[in-house]
Amino acid sequence: MRRVRWCLLVLLFFLSATACWGGAVLIADAHGNPWGVMPQRLLTHAPFHSWLIPGVLLFSAIGLLGVWTLWLTLRQERDYGLWSALQGMILLGYLATESVLLRSLIWLDYLYGALALCLILSGLRLRNRSRSASRF
């Protein structure tokens, strides 16, 4: 279980750092062309006309929640496995919504999709392990 927890810590650190950074870039250049590869025309089918809302959601729901989950995992707080699984589900929901609204997929979507699945599976494994250990 120690290896699963350490792997979870690495994944959560990577996710929260990149989501906070990515969300901040989207917020800072909300009406421009973030990273030079995301023109406003990508938002043609989305219900908003700038990158502000996706940036705020990425920063808060993925980045800050990831920092919170990382903190809980570092301290081995109660139900940190459940929080990790929840973080993975939220990430998967964000990616699915993004791909539908933008009508495109890039290689990063697959990478973060795999990361979301790892968070869900390892979080549930740690959750089940802690439940069975507490029964004895």
N, C-alpha and C. Protein backbone atom coordinates (compact mmCIF):
# COMPACT_ATOMS: atom_id res chain seq x y z
N MET A 1 0.81 -1.19 0.00
CA MET A 1 0.00 0.00 0.00
C MET A 1 0.85 1.25 0.00
N ARG A 2 2.04 1.12 0.53
CA ARG A 2 2.94 2.26 0.59
C ARG A 2 3.30 2.74 -0.82
N ARG A 3 3.54 1.81 -1.73
CA ARG A 3 3.87 2.18 -3.12
C ARG A 3 2.69 2.86 -3.81
N VAL A 4 1.51 2.34 -3.54
CA VAL A 4 0.30 2.94 -4.15
C VAL A 4 0.14 4.37 -3.66
N ARG A 5 0.36 4.59 -2.39
CA ARG A 5 0.24 5.93 -1.82
C ARG A 5 1.30 6.87 -2.39
N TRP A 6 2.53 6.41 -2.54
CA TRP A 6 3.58 7.25 -3.11
C TRP A 6 3.30 7.57 -4.57
N CYS A 7 2.81 6.60 -5.29
CA CYS A 7 2.43 6.83 -6.69
C CYS A 7 1.30 7.86 -6.75
N LEU A 8 0.36 7.74 -5.85
CA LEU A 8 -0.75 8.68 -5.76
C LEU A 8 -0.24 10.09 -5.46
N LEU A 9 0.72 10.20 -4.57
CA LEU A 9 1.30 11.50 -4.25
C LEU A 9 1.95 12.15 -5.47
N VAL A 10 2.69 11.36 -6.23
CA VAL A 10 3.34 11.89 -7.44
C VAL A 10 2.30 12.34 -8.46
N LEU A 11 1.28 11.51 -8.68
CA LEU A 11 0.23 11.86 -9.64
C LEU A 11 -0.53 13.12 -9.21
N LEU A 12 -0.85 13.21 -7.94
CA LEU A 12 -1.57 14.38 -7.44
C LEU A 12 -0.72 15.65 -7.53
N PHE A 13 0.56 15.54 -7.25
CA PHE A 13 1.44 16.70 -7.37
C PHE A 13 1.50 17.17 -8.82
N PHE A 14 1.72 16.23 -9.73
CA PHE A 14 1.78 16.57 -11.16
C PHE A 14 0.47 17.21 -11.62
N LEU A 15 -0.65 16.60 -11.27
CA LEU A 15 -1.95 17.10 -11.68
C LEU A 15 -2.22 18.49 -11.13
N SER A 16 -2.03 18.68 -9.84
CA SER A 16 -2.35 19.97 -9.25
C SER A 16 -1.43 21.07 -9.75
N ALA A 17 -0.16 20.77 -9.94
CA ALA A 17 0.79 21.78 -10.44
C ALA A 17 0.44 22.18 -11.88
N THR A 18 0.20 21.21 -12.73
CA THR A 18 -0.09 21.54 -14.13
C THR A 18 -1.48 22.17 -14.29
N ALA A 19 -2.44 21.77 -13.47
CA ALA A 19 -3.78 22.36 -13.56
C ALA A 19 -3.78 23.80 -13.05
N CYS A 20 -3.09 24.07 -11.97
CA CYS A 20 -3.00 25.45 -11.48
C CYS A 20 -2.29 26.34 -12.51
N TRP A 21 -1.20 25.85 -13.05
CA TRP A 21 -0.46 26.61 -14.07
C TRP A 21 -1.31 26.82 -15.32
N GLY A 22 -1.92 25.75 -15.82
CA GLY A 22 -2.75 25.84 -17.02
C GLY A 22 -3.96 26.73 -16.82
N GLY A 23 -4.61 26.62 -15.67
CA GLY A 23 -5.75 27.48 -15.37
C GLY A 23 -5.35 28.94 -15.28
N ALA A 24 -4.20 29.20 -14.67
CA ALA A 24 -3.71 30.58 -14.56
C ALA A 24 -3.42 31.17 -15.94
N VAL A 25 -2.84 30.38 -16.83
CA VAL A 25 -2.56 30.86 -18.19
C VAL A 25 -3.86 31.15 -18.93
N LEU A 26 -4.85 30.28 -18.81
CA LEU A 26 -6.14 30.51 -19.46
C LEU A 26 -6.83 31.77 -18.91
N ILE A 27 -6.73 31.99 -17.62
CA ILE A 27 -7.34 33.17 -17.02
C ILE A 27 -6.60 34.44 -17.47
N ALA A 28 -5.28 34.38 -17.47
CA ALA A 28 -4.48 35.56 -17.83
C ALA A 28 -4.65 35.96 -19.29
N ASP A 29 -4.86 34.99 -20.17
CA ASP A 29 -5.01 35.28 -21.61
C ASP A 29 -6.38 34.82 -22.08
N ALA A 30 -7.41 35.16 -21.31
CA ALA A 30 -8.76 34.65 -21.55
C ALA A 30 -9.32 35.07 -22.91
N HIS A 31 -8.96 36.23 -23.40
CA HIS A 31 -9.52 36.71 -24.67
C HIS A 31 -8.49 36.65 -25.80
N GLY A 32 -7.40 35.99 -25.54
CA GLY A 32 -6.35 35.89 -26.55
C GLY A 32 -6.21 34.48 -27.10
N ASN A 33 -4.96 34.07 -27.25
CA ASN A 33 -4.64 32.78 -27.83
C ASN A 33 -3.64 32.08 -26.90
N PRO A 34 -4.13 31.47 -25.79
CA PRO A 34 -3.20 30.85 -24.83
C PRO A 34 -2.25 29.86 -25.49
N TRP A 35 -1.01 29.96 -25.13
CA TRP A 35 0.08 29.12 -25.62
C TRP A 35 0.25 29.21 -27.14
N GLY A 36 -0.47 30.08 -27.80
CA GLY A 36 -0.34 30.23 -29.25
C GLY A 36 -0.99 29.11 -30.04
N VAL A 37 -1.69 28.21 -29.38
CA VAL A 37 -2.32 27.08 -30.08
C VAL A 37 -3.81 26.94 -29.77
N MET A 38 -4.36 27.89 -29.04
CA MET A 38 -5.77 27.80 -28.64
C MET A 38 -6.52 29.08 -29.05
N PRO A 39 -6.77 29.25 -30.33
CA PRO A 39 -7.48 30.46 -30.77
C PRO A 39 -8.92 30.45 -30.28
N GLN A 40 -9.52 31.62 -30.25
CA GLN A 40 -10.90 31.78 -29.78
C GLN A 40 -11.89 30.97 -30.61
N ARG A 41 -11.56 30.71 -31.86
CA ARG A 41 -12.49 29.96 -32.73
C ARG A 41 -12.74 28.53 -32.23
N LEU A 42 -11.87 28.00 -31.37
CA LEU A 42 -12.11 26.68 -30.78
C LEU A 42 -13.37 26.68 -29.90
N LEU A 43 -13.77 27.85 -29.45
CA LEU A 43 -14.93 27.97 -28.56
C LEU A 43 -16.23 28.18 -29.32
N THR A 44 -16.23 27.94 -30.62
CA THR A 44 -17.41 28.17 -31.46
C THR A 44 -18.64 27.44 -30.93
N HIS A 45 -18.49 26.21 -30.48
CA HIS A 45 -19.62 25.40 -30.04
C HIS A 45 -19.81 25.41 -28.52
N ALA A 46 -19.00 26.18 -27.83
CA ALA A 46 -19.08 26.26 -26.37
C ALA A 46 -20.07 27.34 -25.95
N PRO A 47 -20.61 27.24 -24.75
CA PRO A 47 -21.57 28.26 -24.28
C PRO A 47 -20.92 29.55 -23.80
N PHE A 48 -19.61 29.67 -23.90
CA PHE A 48 -18.91 30.88 -23.49
C PHE A 48 -17.97 31.31 -24.61
N HIS A 49 -17.53 32.57 -24.55
CA HIS A 49 -16.78 33.13 -25.68
C HIS A 49 -15.36 33.53 -25.33
N SER A 50 -14.89 33.10 -24.17
CA SER A 50 -13.49 33.33 -23.80
C SER A 50 -13.00 32.12 -23.00
N TRP A 51 -11.73 32.13 -22.69
CA TRP A 51 -11.13 31.02 -21.93
C TRP A 51 -11.25 31.23 -20.43
N LEU A 52 -11.94 32.27 -19.99
CA LEU A 52 -12.02 32.59 -18.58
C LEU A 52 -12.70 31.49 -17.77
N ILE A 53 -13.88 31.07 -18.16
CA ILE A 53 -14.61 30.04 -17.40
C ILE A 53 -13.87 28.70 -17.39
N PRO A 54 -13.37 28.23 -18.55
CA PRO A 54 -12.58 26.99 -18.48
C PRO A 54 -11.33 27.14 -17.62
N GLY A 55 -10.72 28.33 -17.64
CA GLY A 55 -9.54 28.56 -16.81
C GLY A 55 -9.85 28.53 -15.32
N VAL A 56 -10.95 29.17 -14.94
CA VAL A 56 -11.35 29.18 -13.53
C VAL A 56 -11.70 27.77 -13.07
N LEU A 57 -12.42 27.03 -13.91
CA LEU A 57 -12.77 25.65 -13.55
C LEU A 57 -11.53 24.76 -13.45
N LEU A 58 -10.61 24.91 -14.39
CA LEU A 58 -9.38 24.12 -14.36
C LEU A 58 -8.57 24.46 -13.11
N PHE A 59 -8.43 25.74 -12.84
CA PHE A 59 -7.65 26.18 -11.68
C PHE A 59 -8.26 25.70 -10.36
N SER A 60 -9.57 25.85 -10.23
CA SER A 60 -10.20 25.54 -8.95
C SER A 60 -10.58 24.06 -8.80
N ALA A 61 -11.35 23.52 -9.74
CA ALA A 61 -11.88 22.16 -9.60
C ALA A 61 -10.81 21.09 -9.79
N ILE A 62 -9.81 21.39 -10.58
CA ILE A 62 -8.75 20.40 -10.79
C ILE A 62 -7.50 20.79 -9.97
N GLY A 63 -7.06 22.02 -10.10
CA GLY A 63 -5.82 22.45 -9.44
C GLY A 63 -5.92 22.55 -7.93
N LEU A 64 -6.82 23.40 -7.44
CA LEU A 64 -6.93 23.59 -5.99
C LEU A 64 -7.46 22.36 -5.27
N LEU A 65 -8.42 21.68 -5.89
CA LEU A 65 -8.90 20.44 -5.29
C LEU A 65 -7.78 19.39 -5.28
N GLY A 66 -6.93 19.41 -6.30
CA GLY A 66 -5.78 18.51 -6.33
C GLY A 66 -4.79 18.82 -5.21
N VAL A 67 -4.58 20.10 -4.92
CA VAL A 67 -3.71 20.49 -3.80
C VAL A 67 -4.30 20.00 -2.49
N TRP A 68 -5.62 20.18 -2.32
CA TRP A 68 -6.30 19.71 -1.11
C TRP A 68 -6.16 18.19 -0.96
N THR A 69 -6.37 17.46 -2.04
CA THR A 69 -6.27 16.00 -2.00
C THR A 69 -4.84 15.57 -1.74
N LEU A 70 -3.88 16.28 -2.32
CA LEU A 70 -2.47 16.00 -2.06
C LEU A 70 -2.16 16.19 -0.58
N TRP A 71 -2.66 17.25 0.00
CA TRP A 71 -2.45 17.52 1.43
C TRP A 71 -3.05 16.41 2.30
N LEU A 72 -4.27 16.00 1.98
CA LEU A 72 -4.91 14.92 2.73
C LEU A 72 -4.12 13.62 2.61
N THR A 73 -3.59 13.36 1.42
CA THR A 73 -2.83 12.13 1.19
C THR A 73 -1.49 12.18 1.91
N LEU A 74 -0.84 13.33 1.90
CA LEU A 74 0.42 13.47 2.63
C LEU A 74 0.24 13.20 4.12
N ARG A 75 -0.83 13.72 4.66
CA ARG A 75 -1.11 13.56 6.09
C ARG A 75 -1.80 12.24 6.42
N GLN A 76 -2.16 11.48 5.39
CA GLN A 76 -2.89 10.23 5.54
C GLN A 76 -4.16 10.43 6.36
N GLU A 77 -4.86 11.49 6.02
CA GLU A 77 -6.12 11.80 6.70
C GLU A 77 -7.16 10.74 6.35
N ARG A 78 -8.19 10.70 7.15
CA ARG A 78 -9.28 9.75 6.92
C ARG A 78 -9.90 10.01 5.55
N ASP A 79 -10.18 8.96 4.83
CA ASP A 79 -10.84 9.01 3.52
C ASP A 79 -10.02 9.70 2.42
N TYR A 80 -8.70 9.76 2.56
CA TYR A 80 -7.91 10.37 1.48
C TYR A 80 -8.00 9.56 0.19
N GLY A 81 -8.22 8.26 0.28
CA GLY A 81 -8.40 7.44 -0.91
C GLY A 81 -9.68 7.82 -1.64
N LEU A 82 -10.72 8.10 -0.89
CA LEU A 82 -11.99 8.53 -1.47
C LEU A 82 -11.83 9.88 -2.17
N TRP A 83 -11.11 10.81 -1.54
CA TRP A 83 -10.86 12.11 -2.16
C TRP A 83 -10.07 11.96 -3.45
N SER A 84 -9.12 11.03 -3.48
CA SER A 84 -8.33 10.80 -4.69
C SER A 84 -9.20 10.26 -5.81
N ALA A 85 -10.07 9.32 -5.48
CA ALA A 85 -10.99 8.78 -6.49
C ALA A 85 -11.93 9.87 -6.99
N LEU A 86 -12.41 10.71 -6.10
CA LEU A 86 -13.27 11.83 -6.48
C LEU A 86 -12.53 12.79 -7.41
N GLN A 87 -11.27 13.07 -7.10
CA GLN A 87 -10.46 13.95 -7.94
C GLN A 87 -10.33 13.37 -9.35
N GLY A 88 -10.13 12.07 -9.45
CA GLY A 88 -10.05 11.42 -10.75
C GLY A 88 -11.35 11.50 -11.52
N MET A 89 -12.48 11.34 -10.82
CA MET A 89 -13.79 11.44 -11.48
C MET A 89 -14.06 12.85 -11.97
N ILE A 90 -13.69 13.85 -11.20
CA ILE A 90 -13.88 15.24 -11.61
C ILE A 90 -13.00 15.53 -12.83
N LEU A 91 -11.77 15.05 -12.81
CA LEU A 91 -10.88 15.24 -13.96
C LEU A 91 -11.45 14.58 -15.20
N LEU A 92 -11.95 13.37 -15.06
CA LEU A 92 -12.54 12.67 -16.19
C LEU A 92 -13.76 13.43 -16.73
N GLY A 93 -14.58 13.95 -15.85
CA GLY A 93 -15.72 14.76 -16.27
C GLY A 93 -15.31 16.03 -16.98
N TYR A 94 -14.26 16.68 -16.48
CA TYR A 94 -13.74 17.89 -17.13
C TYR A 94 -13.26 17.57 -18.54
N LEU A 95 -12.50 16.49 -18.67
CA LEU A 95 -11.97 16.11 -19.98
C LEU A 95 -13.08 15.75 -20.96
N ALA A 96 -14.08 15.03 -20.48
CA ALA A 96 -15.20 14.66 -21.36
C ALA A 96 -15.96 15.89 -21.82
N THR A 97 -16.23 16.80 -20.90
CA THR A 97 -16.94 18.03 -21.25
C THR A 97 -16.12 18.87 -22.22
N GLU A 98 -14.84 18.97 -21.96
CA GLU A 98 -13.95 19.74 -22.84
C GLU A 98 -13.94 19.17 -24.26
N SER A 99 -13.83 17.86 -24.37
CA SER A 99 -13.77 17.26 -25.71
C SER A 99 -15.09 17.41 -26.47
N VAL A 100 -16.21 17.39 -25.75
CA VAL A 100 -17.50 17.59 -26.41
C VAL A 100 -17.66 19.04 -26.85
N LEU A 101 -17.33 19.98 -25.97
CA LEU A 101 -17.50 21.39 -26.30
C LEU A 101 -16.53 21.87 -27.38
N LEU A 102 -15.30 21.41 -27.32
CA LEU A 102 -14.30 21.83 -28.32
C LEU A 102 -14.34 20.97 -29.57
N ARG A 103 -15.01 19.83 -29.46
CA ARG A 103 -15.12 18.87 -30.56
C ARG A 103 -13.74 18.45 -31.10
N SER A 104 -12.86 18.19 -30.16
CA SER A 104 -11.52 17.73 -30.55
C SER A 104 -10.87 17.00 -29.38
N LEU A 105 -9.90 16.18 -29.71
CA LEU A 105 -9.07 15.49 -28.72
C LEU A 105 -7.62 15.67 -29.12
N ILE A 106 -6.76 15.89 -28.13
CA ILE A 106 -5.34 15.94 -28.39
C ILE A 106 -4.65 14.92 -27.49
N TRP A 107 -3.38 14.72 -27.70
CA TRP A 107 -2.66 13.68 -26.95
C TRP A 107 -2.69 13.94 -25.44
N LEU A 108 -2.75 15.21 -25.03
CA LEU A 108 -2.81 15.50 -23.60
C LEU A 108 -4.10 15.00 -22.96
N ASP A 109 -5.18 14.97 -23.73
CA ASP A 109 -6.44 14.45 -23.21
C ASP A 109 -6.30 12.97 -22.85
N TYR A 110 -5.58 12.23 -23.67
CA TYR A 110 -5.35 10.81 -23.37
C TYR A 110 -4.45 10.64 -22.15
N LEU A 111 -3.43 11.48 -22.04
CA LEU A 111 -2.52 11.41 -20.90
C LEU A 111 -3.28 11.70 -19.60
N TYR A 112 -4.04 12.78 -19.59
CA TYR A 112 -4.78 13.13 -18.38
C TYR A 112 -5.95 12.18 -18.13
N GLY A 113 -6.49 11.58 -19.18
CA GLY A 113 -7.52 10.55 -19.00
C GLY A 113 -6.94 9.34 -18.30
N ALA A 114 -5.73 8.94 -18.70
CA ALA A 114 -5.06 7.81 -18.03
C ALA A 114 -4.74 8.17 -16.59
N LEU A 115 -4.32 9.41 -16.36
CA LEU A 115 -4.03 9.86 -15.01
C LEU A 115 -5.30 9.81 -14.15
N ALA A 116 -6.43 10.23 -14.73
CA ALA A 116 -7.71 10.19 -14.00
C ALA A 116 -8.07 8.76 -13.62
N LEU A 117 -7.90 7.84 -14.53
CA LEU A 117 -8.20 6.44 -14.22
C LEU A 117 -7.28 5.89 -13.14
N CYS A 118 -6.01 6.27 -13.17
CA CYS A 118 -5.07 5.85 -12.12
C CYS A 118 -5.48 6.41 -10.76
N LEU A 119 -5.92 7.68 -10.74
CA LEU A 119 -6.38 8.28 -9.49
C LEU A 119 -7.60 7.54 -8.94
N ILE A 120 -8.53 7.23 -9.83
CA ILE A 120 -9.75 6.54 -9.40
C ILE A 120 -9.42 5.15 -8.85
N LEU A 121 -8.66 4.38 -9.61
CA LEU A 121 -8.36 3.01 -9.20
C LEU A 121 -7.50 2.95 -7.94
N SER A 122 -6.46 3.78 -7.86
CA SER A 122 -5.61 3.74 -6.67
C SER A 122 -6.34 4.31 -5.46
N GLY A 123 -7.17 5.33 -5.66
CA GLY A 123 -7.96 5.87 -4.55
C GLY A 123 -8.93 4.85 -4.00
N LEU A 124 -9.61 4.14 -4.90
CA LEU A 124 -10.54 3.11 -4.45
C LEU A 124 -9.81 1.95 -3.78
N ARG A 125 -8.65 1.62 -4.29
CA ARG A 125 -7.88 0.53 -3.67
C ARG A 125 -7.46 0.91 -2.25
N LEU A 126 -6.99 2.14 -2.08
CA LEU A 126 -6.61 2.59 -0.75
C LEU A 126 -7.83 2.70 0.16
N ARG A 127 -8.93 3.11 -0.39
CA ARG A 127 -10.18 3.23 0.39
C ARG A 127 -10.63 1.86 0.88
N ASN A 128 -10.63 0.88 -0.03
CA ASN A 128 -11.05 -0.47 0.35
C ASN A 128 -10.08 -1.09 1.35
N ARG A 129 -8.80 -0.82 1.18
CA ARG A 129 -7.79 -1.37 2.09
C ARG A 129 -7.97 -0.79 3.49
N SER A 130 -8.21 0.51 3.58
CA SER A 130 -8.38 1.12 4.91
C SER A 130 -9.68 0.65 5.57
N ARG A 131 -10.70 0.40 4.80
CA ARG A 131 -11.96 -0.11 5.37
C ARG A 131 -11.78 -1.50 5.92
N SER A 132 -11.08 -2.38 5.16
CA SER A 132 -10.90 -3.74 5.65
C SER A 132 -9.95 -3.78 6.84
N ALA A 133 -9.00 -2.89 6.90
CA ALA A 133 -8.07 -2.85 8.04
C ALA A 133 -8.77 -2.35 9.30
N SER A 134 -9.73 -1.45 9.13
CA SER A 134 -10.41 -0.92 10.31
C SER A 134 -11.45 -1.89 10.89
N ARG A 135 -11.81 -2.91 10.15
CA ARG A 135 -12.79 -3.88 10.65
C ARG A 135 -12.20 -4.84 11.67
N PHE A 136 -10.89 -4.98 11.68
CA PHE A 136 -10.26 -5.94 12.58
C PHE A 136 -9.89 -5.35 13.89
